N, C-alpha and C. Protein backbone atom coordinates (compact mmCIF):
# COMPACT_ATOMS: atom_id res chain seq x y z
N MET A 1 74.16 158.13 90.74
CA MET A 1 75.00 159.18 90.29
C MET A 1 76.27 159.29 91.13
N GLN A 2 77.39 159.42 90.46
CA GLN A 2 78.69 159.48 91.16
C GLN A 2 78.89 160.85 91.78
N LYS A 3 79.38 160.89 93.02
CA LYS A 3 79.66 162.22 93.64
C LYS A 3 81.19 162.32 93.67
N TYR A 4 81.62 163.56 93.27
CA TYR A 4 83.00 163.84 93.31
C TYR A 4 83.36 164.93 94.38
N LEU A 5 84.51 164.70 95.01
CA LEU A 5 84.93 165.68 96.08
C LEU A 5 86.20 166.45 95.78
N THR A 6 86.26 167.67 96.16
CA THR A 6 87.44 168.48 95.92
C THR A 6 88.42 168.12 96.98
N VAL A 7 89.68 168.67 96.84
CA VAL A 7 90.71 168.41 97.84
C VAL A 7 90.22 168.98 99.18
N LYS A 8 89.62 170.12 99.14
CA LYS A 8 89.05 170.73 100.35
C LYS A 8 88.05 169.85 101.04
N ASP A 9 87.15 169.25 100.24
CA ASP A 9 86.14 168.35 100.76
C ASP A 9 86.80 167.16 101.41
N VAL A 10 87.79 166.58 100.76
CA VAL A 10 88.51 165.40 101.32
C VAL A 10 89.22 165.68 102.60
N ALA A 11 89.84 166.94 102.60
CA ALA A 11 90.54 167.36 103.86
C ALA A 11 89.54 167.50 105.00
N GLU A 12 88.44 168.13 104.72
CA GLU A 12 87.38 168.29 105.76
C GLU A 12 86.86 166.93 106.23
N ARG A 13 86.66 166.02 105.37
CA ARG A 13 86.18 164.68 105.69
C ARG A 13 87.08 164.02 106.64
N PHE A 14 88.42 164.16 106.52
CA PHE A 14 89.37 163.45 107.35
C PHE A 14 89.94 164.36 108.47
N GLY A 15 89.50 165.59 108.50
CA GLY A 15 89.89 166.53 109.57
C GLY A 15 91.39 166.95 109.49
N VAL A 16 91.83 167.07 108.26
CA VAL A 16 93.26 167.45 108.09
C VAL A 16 93.32 168.63 107.10
N SER A 17 94.50 169.16 106.87
CA SER A 17 94.70 170.30 105.89
C SER A 17 94.77 169.74 104.50
N THR A 18 94.61 170.65 103.50
CA THR A 18 94.76 170.27 102.12
C THR A 18 96.21 169.82 101.79
N PRO A 19 97.23 170.48 102.35
CA PRO A 19 98.59 169.96 102.09
C PRO A 19 98.75 168.48 102.61
N THR A 20 98.13 168.17 103.66
CA THR A 20 98.22 166.84 104.17
C THR A 20 97.62 165.81 103.17
N ILE A 21 96.49 166.19 102.53
CA ILE A 21 95.90 165.33 101.49
C ILE A 21 96.89 165.10 100.41
N TRP A 22 97.54 166.10 99.91
CA TRP A 22 98.50 166.00 98.87
C TRP A 22 99.72 165.12 99.27
N ARG A 23 100.15 165.27 100.54
CA ARG A 23 101.25 164.44 101.07
C ARG A 23 100.82 162.93 101.08
N TRP A 24 99.60 162.73 101.56
CA TRP A 24 99.07 161.35 101.61
C TRP A 24 99.00 160.73 100.27
N LEU A 25 98.51 161.52 99.30
CA LEU A 25 98.46 161.02 97.90
C LEU A 25 99.81 160.63 97.34
N LYS A 26 100.80 161.56 97.62
CA LYS A 26 102.17 161.32 97.12
C LYS A 26 102.76 160.11 97.72
N ALA A 27 102.41 159.80 99.01
CA ALA A 27 102.93 158.68 99.76
C ALA A 27 102.18 157.36 99.44
N GLY A 28 101.11 157.47 98.56
CA GLY A 28 100.31 156.31 98.22
C GLY A 28 99.31 155.90 99.30
N GLN A 29 98.96 156.85 100.14
CA GLN A 29 98.08 156.56 101.34
C GLN A 29 96.58 156.94 100.99
N LEU A 30 96.28 157.37 99.77
CA LEU A 30 94.87 157.65 99.37
C LEU A 30 94.63 157.08 98.02
N PRO A 31 93.34 156.89 97.72
CA PRO A 31 93.05 156.45 96.34
C PRO A 31 93.43 157.57 95.37
N LYS A 32 93.74 157.15 94.17
CA LYS A 32 94.12 158.19 93.17
C LYS A 32 92.86 158.98 92.77
N PRO A 33 93.05 160.26 92.59
CA PRO A 33 91.94 161.09 92.15
C PRO A 33 91.77 161.05 90.70
N VAL A 34 90.71 161.69 90.21
CA VAL A 34 90.38 161.80 88.82
C VAL A 34 90.81 163.15 88.31
N LYS A 35 91.53 163.28 87.27
CA LYS A 35 91.95 164.58 86.68
C LYS A 35 90.86 164.98 85.73
N ILE A 36 90.01 165.91 86.08
CA ILE A 36 88.95 166.44 85.28
C ILE A 36 89.52 167.31 84.13
N SER A 37 90.40 168.25 84.44
CA SER A 37 91.12 169.06 83.49
C SER A 37 92.31 169.62 84.26
N ALA A 38 93.08 170.44 83.49
CA ALA A 38 94.23 171.00 84.08
C ALA A 38 93.82 171.80 85.35
N GLY A 39 94.41 171.56 86.51
CA GLY A 39 94.08 172.26 87.73
C GLY A 39 92.76 171.88 88.34
N CYS A 40 92.16 170.73 87.86
CA CYS A 40 90.82 170.36 88.42
C CYS A 40 90.90 168.86 88.76
N THR A 41 91.15 168.61 90.02
CA THR A 41 91.29 167.18 90.48
C THR A 41 90.17 166.89 91.44
N ARG A 42 89.57 165.72 91.28
CA ARG A 42 88.45 165.28 92.18
C ARG A 42 88.62 163.83 92.59
N TRP A 43 88.11 163.55 93.77
CA TRP A 43 88.08 162.15 94.22
C TRP A 43 86.65 161.61 94.13
N LYS A 44 86.55 160.39 93.62
CA LYS A 44 85.23 159.79 93.68
C LYS A 44 84.84 159.37 95.07
N MET A 45 83.72 159.72 95.49
CA MET A 45 83.22 159.39 96.90
C MET A 45 83.23 157.90 97.02
N SER A 46 82.84 157.15 96.01
CA SER A 46 82.85 155.66 96.09
C SER A 46 84.18 155.11 96.31
N ASP A 47 85.28 155.73 95.72
CA ASP A 47 86.60 155.26 95.95
C ASP A 47 87.05 155.50 97.34
N LEU A 48 86.70 156.70 97.93
CA LEU A 48 87.08 156.94 99.31
C LEU A 48 86.34 156.06 100.29
N LEU A 49 85.04 155.78 99.95
CA LEU A 49 84.30 154.85 100.90
C LEU A 49 84.92 153.41 100.87
N ASN A 50 85.26 152.98 99.70
CA ASN A 50 85.88 151.62 99.58
C ASN A 50 87.23 151.60 100.32
N TRP A 51 87.98 152.66 100.17
CA TRP A 51 89.26 152.77 100.88
C TRP A 51 89.13 152.76 102.40
N GLU A 52 88.12 153.51 102.90
CA GLU A 52 87.89 153.61 104.30
C GLU A 52 87.48 152.19 104.82
N GLU A 53 86.65 151.54 104.06
CA GLU A 53 86.20 150.18 104.42
C GLU A 53 87.38 149.25 104.55
N GLN A 54 88.30 149.32 103.59
CA GLN A 54 89.50 148.45 103.60
C GLN A 54 90.35 148.78 104.83
N LEU A 55 90.50 150.06 105.21
CA LEU A 55 91.28 150.48 106.37
C LEU A 55 90.67 149.84 107.62
N GLU A 56 89.32 149.89 107.75
CA GLU A 56 88.61 149.34 108.89
C GLU A 56 88.88 147.85 109.03
N GLU A 57 88.85 147.12 107.87
CA GLU A 57 89.06 145.72 107.89
C GLU A 57 90.47 145.34 108.36
N LYS A 58 91.42 146.17 107.97
CA LYS A 58 92.83 145.92 108.32
C LYS A 58 93.08 146.08 109.87
N GLN A 59 92.25 147.01 110.45
CA GLN A 59 92.40 147.32 111.84
C GLN A 59 91.80 146.24 112.78
N CYS A 60 90.94 145.45 112.23
CA CYS A 60 90.22 144.40 113.05
C CYS A 60 91.15 143.17 113.21
């Protein structure tokens, strides 16, 4: 079952503020979220995990 995270959840995960999450998204530094409805945006946990894995591989 797919888990979806709110912007607050994503911010807490990375230890930043919610405005930082929106800035990262605008700069193309985060996976694109899923638009559930107007005013309801979520990130798939699987997308974030894959993205984190790619970042780790680039650092090695």
